[in-house]
Each structure stands twice: as C-alpha cells, then as structure tokens.
Amino acid sequence: MSHSEDEDPAALFRAAIGEVKPLRNVTEPGVAKPRPKPRARMAERDEELAQGEFARLLRDSTPLEAGDTASYRRENLPPRMFQRLKRGQYSVQDELDLHGATAIQAESLLRQFLAEAHDHEFGCVRIIHGKGLQGDGGAPVLKNLVDRMLRLRSDVLAFHSAPPAQGGTGAVLVLLAH
C-alpha cells in the first residue's frame, strides 16, 4: 500500500486493524450487577499494598522498637548542627501529628507536610508518630514509616528522636534543606 498525502487516515486505520466485532451488550437483563463502590475498595487495596510493602521493609531490615531512638545525619551536615538538633535547640516551625493515621494516610500526610514546609522554607519541623506500643508486640508502624521515608528524601538533612520534653521517642525533629 503506497502512502500519499490525500489518503484518508480513518480509511488507513480501518484497513490496518481489519474487521472488528462489536462487544456483547452488557446491559442485557440479568447480566448487569450493581456496581460496588469503587473508592472504598481501591483505598482498602491500596492500604493492603502499602501495609504489605511496609511489612516487607520491616522484614528486610531491623525495625525500630517503640523506645528506640530514630536518628539520621547526612554526611555533609556538620556534627555540631546535629548535636543541636539532638538537644532540641532549633525552634520548631511546624508540626505534624500522625496519631491514628493508617500507613497510607501517614505517607500522604507526610509528603504534603514536607512539601508545605519546603514552600515556607522552614528549617526545623517536628513529626509526632507516637510510640506505637501495640498489644501484639509488633514493630511501631508509623515510627518506622517516618524513619524510612525521611531517609529517602533529598530535602532532609537530619532527624533525631525528640528530647523527652518534646515528645521523646514518640516524635522526631527534622532538619530540612532549603
């Protein structure tokens, strides 16, 4: 088939795909089922995926326990600045409380919070994740989620569990790059 400028693109398309059969009409009586509410189901599935992904992260590396100190420092951050952060000597410019959030909500809230902190050029923020003391003795989910997420972000210079008066091991102070 030679291609010329005046050929009809629709005719070319039909020739290329060949004969088509219409799909069976789905609105036949007895066939159409009431549709499930899509959003709740998607949210449940997303939550399961997030929890599954997260469970894998916790298995692959030793999770932080409720009383453990979360701590991270970029190599290029001067140690004296890290010491000030550990002592809670930076003024906290904003705070995010994740109490009661699911893993997927916490991840979304944390991303949004850090984006806003960046927009406002905040240098130090506090994230309250709670101690995660669970009856089943499992690792504290939100604490570990926050720890893992902050380590992966390029705008996080350092973080450390807050001093006891500022939430202790149930919160982290985060030093952000501008």
C-alpha atoms as a PDB file:
ATOM      1  CA  MET A   1       0.000   0.000   0.000  1.00  0.00           C
ATOM      2  CA  SER A   2       1.634   3.252  -1.099  1.00  0.00           C
ATOM      3  CA  HIS A   3       1.211   6.267   1.146  1.00  0.00           C
ATOM      4  CA  SER A   4       0.098   9.517  -0.457  1.00  0.00           C
ATOM      5  CA  GLU A   5      -0.820  12.818   1.178  1.00  0.00           C
ATOM      6  CA  ASP A   6      -4.505  12.657   0.168  1.00  0.00           C
ATOM      7  CA  GLU A   7      -5.312   9.233   1.682  1.00  0.00           C
ATOM      8  CA  ASP A   8      -7.985   9.219   4.377  1.00  0.00           C
ATOM      9  CA  PRO A   9      -6.365   8.460   7.768  1.00  0.00           C
ATOM     10  CA  ALA A  10      -9.589   6.842   9.013  1.00  0.00           C
ATOM     11  CA  ALA A  11      -9.657   4.509   5.980  1.00  0.00           C
ATOM     12  CA  LEU A  12      -5.984   3.638   6.572  1.00  0.00           C
ATOM     13  CA  PHE A  13      -6.741   2.888  10.205  1.00  0.00           C
ATOM     14  CA  ARG A  14      -9.694   0.642   9.349  1.00  0.00           C
ATOM     15  CA  ALA A  15      -7.585  -1.180   6.746  1.00  0.00           C
ATOM     16  CA  ALA A  16      -4.789  -1.655   9.292  1.00  0.00           C
ATOM     17  CA  ILE A  17      -6.951  -3.109  12.068  1.00  0.00           C
ATOM     18  CA  GLY A  18      -9.155  -5.258   9.876  1.00  0.00           C
ATOM     19  CA  GLU A  19     -12.654  -6.445  10.728  1.00  0.00           C
ATOM     20  CA  VAL A  20     -13.948  -5.591  14.191  1.00  0.00           C
ATOM     21  CA  LYS A  21     -16.692  -7.304  16.171  1.00  0.00           C
ATOM     22  CA  PRO A  22     -18.881  -5.236  18.488  1.00  0.00           C
ATOM     23  CA  LEU A  23     -18.710  -6.202  22.159  1.00  0.00           C
ATOM     24  CA  ARG A  24     -21.686  -8.040  23.605  1.00  0.00           C
ATOM     25  CA  ASN A  25     -24.200  -5.617  25.052  1.00  0.00           C
ATOM     26  CA  VAL A  26     -23.590  -5.710  28.813  1.00  0.00           C
ATOM     27  CA  THR A  27     -26.910  -4.119  29.697  1.00  0.00           C
ATOM     28  CA  GLU A  28     -28.886  -7.298  28.952  1.00  0.00           C
ATOM     29  CA  PRO A  29     -31.346  -8.137  31.720  1.00  0.00           C
ATOM     30  CA  GLY A  30     -29.846 -10.327  34.414  1.00  0.00           C
ATOM     31  CA  VAL A  31     -26.263  -9.516  33.364  1.00  0.00           C
ATOM     32  CA  ALA A  32     -25.741  -6.084  34.879  1.00  0.00           C
ATOM     33  CA  LYS A  33     -24.801  -6.344  38.534  1.00  0.00           C
ATOM     34  CA  PRO A  34     -24.956  -3.400  40.888  1.00  0.00           C
ATOM     35  CA  ARG A  35     -21.545  -1.758  40.857  1.00  0.00           C
ATOM     36  CA  PRO A  36     -19.512  -1.853  44.055  1.00  0.00           C
ATOM     37  CA  LYS A  37     -18.403   1.458  45.490  1.00  0.00           C
ATOM     38  CA  PRO A  38     -15.031   1.787  43.732  1.00  0.00           C
ATOM     39  CA  ARG A  39     -13.268   4.232  46.035  1.00  0.00           C
ATOM     40  CA  ALA A  40     -13.513   2.351  49.323  1.00  0.00           C
ATOM     41  CA  ARG A  41     -12.378  -0.813  47.633  1.00  0.00           C
ATOM     42  CA  MET A  42      -9.432   0.927  45.985  1.00  0.00           C
ATOM     43  CA  ALA A  43      -8.465   2.537  49.277  1.00  0.00           C
ATOM     44  CA  GLU A  44      -8.607  -0.843  51.032  1.00  0.00           C
ATOM     45  CA  ARG A  45      -6.492  -2.420  48.322  1.00  0.00           C
ATOM     46  CA  ASP A  46      -4.009   0.475  48.388  1.00  0.00           C
ATOM     47  CA  GLU A  47      -3.824   0.214  52.160  1.00  0.00           C
ATOM     48  CA  GLU A  48      -3.143  -3.526  51.907  1.00  0.00           C
ATOM     49  CA  LEU A  49      -0.439  -2.867  49.307  1.00  0.00           C
ATOM     50  CA  ALA A  50       1.131  -0.163  51.451  1.00  0.00           C
ATOM     51  CA  GLN A  51       0.984  -2.348  54.547  1.00  0.00           C
ATOM     52  CA  GLY A  52       2.414  -5.262  52.526  1.00  0.00           C
ATOM     53  CA  GLU A  53       5.211  -3.138  51.102  1.00  0.00           C
ATOM     54  CA  PHE A  54       5.844  -1.791  54.550  1.00  0.00           C
ATOM     55  CA  ALA A  55       5.820  -5.225  56.179  1.00  0.00           C
ATOM     56  CA  ARG A  56       8.470  -6.243  53.637  1.00  0.00           C
ATOM     57  CA  LEU A  57      10.616  -3.224  54.555  1.00  0.00           C
ATOM     58  CA  LEU A  58      10.336  -4.146  58.220  1.00  0.00           C
ATOM     59  CA  ARG A  59      11.292  -7.751  57.500  1.00  0.00           C
ATOM     60  CA  ASP A  60      14.254  -6.802  55.325  1.00  0.00           C
ATOM     61  CA  SER A  61      15.802  -4.550  57.942  1.00  0.00           C
ATOM     62  CA  THR A  62      15.610  -4.476  61.708  1.00  0.00           C
ATOM     63  CA  PRO A  63      12.650  -2.270  62.643  1.00  0.00           C
ATOM     64  CA  LEU A  64      12.826   0.377  65.317  1.00  0.00           C
ATOM     65  CA  GLU A  65      11.109  -0.636  68.538  1.00  0.00           C
ATOM     66  CA  ALA A  66       8.840   1.708  70.497  1.00  0.00           C
ATOM     67  CA  GLY A  67      11.588   3.028  72.783  1.00  0.00           C
ATOM     68  CA  ASP A  68      14.353   3.147  70.148  1.00  0.00           C
ATOM     69  CA  THR A  69      15.846   6.446  69.060  1.00  0.00           C
ATOM     70  CA  ALA A  70      15.354   7.341  65.413  1.00  0.00           C
ATOM     71  CA  SER A  71      18.460   9.059  64.138  1.00  0.00           C
ATOM     72  CA  TYR A  72      19.942  10.028  60.779  1.00  0.00           C
ATOM     73  CA  ARG A  73      22.506  12.576  59.601  1.00  0.00           C
ATOM     74  CA  ARG A  74      23.664  13.406  56.098  1.00  0.00           C
ATOM     75  CA  GLU A  75      27.446  13.261  55.761  1.00  0.00           C
ATOM     76  CA  ASN A  76      27.610  16.926  54.692  1.00  0.00           C
ATOM     77  CA  LEU A  77      25.794  18.185  57.805  1.00  0.00           C
ATOM     78  CA  PRO A  78      28.274  19.486  60.406  1.00  0.00           C
ATOM     79  CA  PRO A  79      28.240  17.345  63.592  1.00  0.00           C
ATOM     80  CA  ARG A  80      27.656  20.435  65.797  1.00  0.00           C
ATOM     81  CA  MET A  81      24.382  21.145  63.943  1.00  0.00           C
ATOM     82  CA  PHE A  82      23.351  17.540  64.510  1.00  0.00           C
ATOM     83  CA  GLN A  83      24.159  17.883  68.249  1.00  0.00           C
ATOM     84  CA  ARG A  84      21.928  20.979  68.419  1.00  0.00           C
ATOM     85  CA  LEU A  85      19.114  19.054  66.723  1.00  0.00           C
ATOM     86  CA  LYS A  86      19.512  16.127  69.166  1.00  0.00           C
ATOM     87  CA  ARG A  87      19.243  18.524  72.098  1.00  0.00           C
ATOM     88  CA  GLY A  88      16.149  20.194  70.626  1.00  0.00           C
ATOM     89  CA  GLN A  89      17.893  23.567  70.326  1.00  0.00           C
ATOM     90  CA  TYR A  90      16.323  24.536  67.000  1.00  0.00           C
ATOM     91  CA  SER A  91      12.950  26.249  67.148  1.00  0.00           C
ATOM     92  CA  VAL A  92      10.276  24.033  65.629  1.00  0.00           C
ATOM     93  CA  GLN A  93       8.463  25.961  62.912  1.00  0.00           C
ATOM     94  CA  ASP A  94       5.713  23.455  62.176  1.00  0.00           C
ATOM     95  CA  GLU A  95       4.405  20.163  63.470  1.00  0.00           C
ATOM     96  CA  LEU A  96       2.615  17.150  62.029  1.00  0.00           C
ATOM     97  CA  ASP A  97       0.734  14.748  64.308  1.00  0.00           C
ATOM     98  CA  LEU A  98       0.172  11.340  62.727  1.00  0.00           C
ATOM     99  CA  HIS A  99      -1.679   9.750  65.686  1.00  0.00           C
ATOM    100  CA  GLY A 100      -4.458   7.489  64.442  1.00  0.00           C
ATOM    101  CA  ALA A 101      -3.415   7.594  60.771  1.00  0.00           C
ATOM    102  CA  THR A 102      -3.083   4.414  58.721  1.00  0.00           C
ATOM    103  CA  ALA A 103       0.211   3.768  56.929  1.00  0.00           C
ATOM    104  CA  ILE A 104      -1.126   5.046  53.614  1.00  0.00           C
ATOM    105  CA  GLN A 105      -2.664   8.180  55.196  1.00  0.00           C
ATOM    106  CA  ALA A 106       0.551   8.856  57.106  1.00  0.00           C
ATOM    107  CA  GLU A 107       2.642   8.576  53.947  1.00  0.00           C
ATOM    108  CA  SER A 108       0.397  11.029  52.107  1.00  0.00           C
ATOM    109  CA  LEU A 109       0.225  13.452  55.070  1.00  0.00           C
ATOM    110  CA  LEU A 110       3.989  13.347  55.495  1.00  0.00           C
ATOM    111  CA  ARG A 111       4.649  14.101  51.810  1.00  0.00           C
ATOM    112  CA  GLN A 112       2.177  17.000  51.876  1.00  0.00           C
ATOM    113  CA  PHE A 113       3.583  18.346  55.166  1.00  0.00           C
ATOM    114  CA  LEU A 114       7.176  18.303  53.876  1.00  0.00           C
ATOM    115  CA  ALA A 115       6.136  19.984  50.616  1.00  0.00           C
ATOM    116  CA  GLU A 116       4.455  22.782  52.606  1.00  0.00           C
ATOM    117  CA  ALA A 117       7.465  23.075  54.927  1.00  0.00           C
ATOM    118  CA  HIS A 118       9.668  23.422  51.836  1.00  0.00           C
ATOM    119  CA  ASP A 119       7.360  26.104  50.362  1.00  0.00           C
ATOM    120  CA  HIS A 120       7.596  28.094  53.623  1.00  0.00           C
ATOM    121  CA  GLU A 121      11.368  27.498  53.833  1.00  0.00           C
ATOM    122  CA  PHE A 122      11.072  26.001  57.310  1.00  0.00           C
ATOM    123  CA  GLY A 123      14.366  24.777  58.726  1.00  0.00           C
ATOM    124  CA  CYS A 124      13.147  22.542  61.555  1.00  0.00           C
ATOM    125  CA  VAL A 125       9.865  20.645  61.943  1.00  0.00           C
ATOM    126  CA  ARG A 126       8.530  18.044  64.372  1.00  0.00           C
ATOM    127  CA  ILE A 127       6.689  14.920  63.304  1.00  0.00           C
ATOM    128  CA  ILE A 128       4.738  13.115  66.011  1.00  0.00           C
ATOM    129  CA  HIS A 129       4.362   9.441  65.122  1.00  0.00           C
ATOM    130  CA  GLY A 130       3.577   8.110  68.599  1.00  0.00           C
ATOM    131  CA  LYS A 131       5.422   5.304  70.322  1.00  0.00           C
ATOM    132  CA  GLY A 132       3.361   2.635  68.577  1.00  0.00           C
ATOM    133  CA  LEU A 133       3.001   0.469  71.664  1.00  0.00           C
ATOM    134  CA  GLN A 134       0.834  -2.299  70.308  1.00  0.00           C
ATOM    135  CA  GLY A 135      -0.781  -5.115  72.189  1.00  0.00           C
ATOM    136  CA  ASP A 136       0.576  -7.670  69.732  1.00  0.00           C
ATOM    137  CA  GLY A 137       4.146  -6.538  70.339  1.00  0.00           C
ATOM    138  CA  GLY A 138       4.604  -5.718  66.632  1.00  0.00           C
ATOM    139  CA  ALA A 139       7.006  -3.028  65.482  1.00  0.00           C
ATOM    140  CA  PRO A 140       5.564   0.508  65.641  1.00  0.00           C
ATOM    141  CA  VAL A 141       4.322   1.059  62.083  1.00  0.00           C
ATOM    142  CA  LEU A 142       4.188   4.867  61.890  1.00  0.00           C
ATOM    143  CA  LYS A 143       7.537   5.335  63.625  1.00  0.00           C
ATOM    144  CA  ASN A 144       9.226   3.014  61.134  1.00  0.00           C
ATOM    145  CA  LEU A 145       7.342   4.521  58.194  1.00  0.00           C
ATOM    146  CA  VAL A 146       8.514   8.033  59.157  1.00  0.00           C
ATOM    147  CA  ASP A 147      12.086   6.808  59.692  1.00  0.00           C
ATOM    148  CA  ARG A 148      12.229   5.082  56.264  1.00  0.00           C
ATOM    149  CA  MET A 149      10.545   7.910  54.358  1.00  0.00           C
ATOM    150  CA  LEU A 150      12.726  10.653  55.831  1.00  0.00           C
ATOM    151  CA  ARG A 151      15.910   8.726  54.984  1.00  0.00           C
ATOM    152  CA  LEU A 152      14.890   8.596  51.316  1.00  0.00           C
ATOM    153  CA  ARG A 153      14.211  12.313  50.927  1.00  0.00           C
ATOM    154  CA  SER A 154      16.824  14.638  49.482  1.00  0.00           C
ATOM    155  CA  ASP A 155      15.439  17.645  51.411  1.00  0.00           C
ATOM    156  CA  VAL A 156      16.066  16.001  54.804  1.00  0.00           C
ATOM    157  CA  LEU A 157      19.495  16.884  56.227  1.00  0.00           C
ATOM    158  CA  ALA A 158      18.998  15.076  59.526  1.00  0.00           C
ATOM    159  CA  PHE A 159      16.420  13.836  62.012  1.00  0.00           C
ATOM    160  CA  HIS A 160      16.545  12.616  65.565  1.00  0.00           C
ATOM    161  CA  SER A 161      14.049  11.481  68.172  1.00  0.00           C
ATOM    162  CA  ALA A 162      12.884  14.495  70.140  1.00  0.00           C
ATOM    163  CA  PRO A 163      14.162  15.263  73.641  1.00  0.00           C
ATOM    164  CA  PRO A 164      11.824  13.896  76.374  1.00  0.00           C
ATOM    165  CA  ALA A 165      10.127  17.295  76.876  1.00  0.00           C
ATOM    166  CA  GLN A 166       9.284  17.478  73.153  1.00  0.00           C
ATOM    167  CA  GLY A 167       7.815  14.014  72.657  1.00  0.00           C
ATOM    168  CA  GLY A 168      10.821  11.746  73.193  1.00  0.00           C
ATOM    169  CA  THR A 169      10.852   8.583  71.095  1.00  0.00           C
ATOM    170  CA  GLY A 170       7.259   9.276  70.002  1.00  0.00           C
ATOM    171  CA  ALA A 171       8.368  12.200  67.801  1.00  0.00           C
ATOM    172  CA  VAL A 172      11.246  13.251  65.573  1.00  0.00           C
ATOM    173  CA  LEU A 173      12.806  16.639  64.968  1.00  0.00           C
ATOM    174  CA  VAL A 174      13.713  17.095  61.317  1.00  0.00           C
ATOM    175  CA  LEU A 175      16.288  19.491  59.866  1.00  0.00           C
ATOM    176  CA  LEU A 176      15.348  20.467  56.318  1.00  0.00           C
ATOM    177  CA  ALA A 177      17.413  21.820  53.426  1.00  0.00           C
ATOM    178  CA  HIS A 178      16.132  24.993  51.766  1.00  0.00           C
END
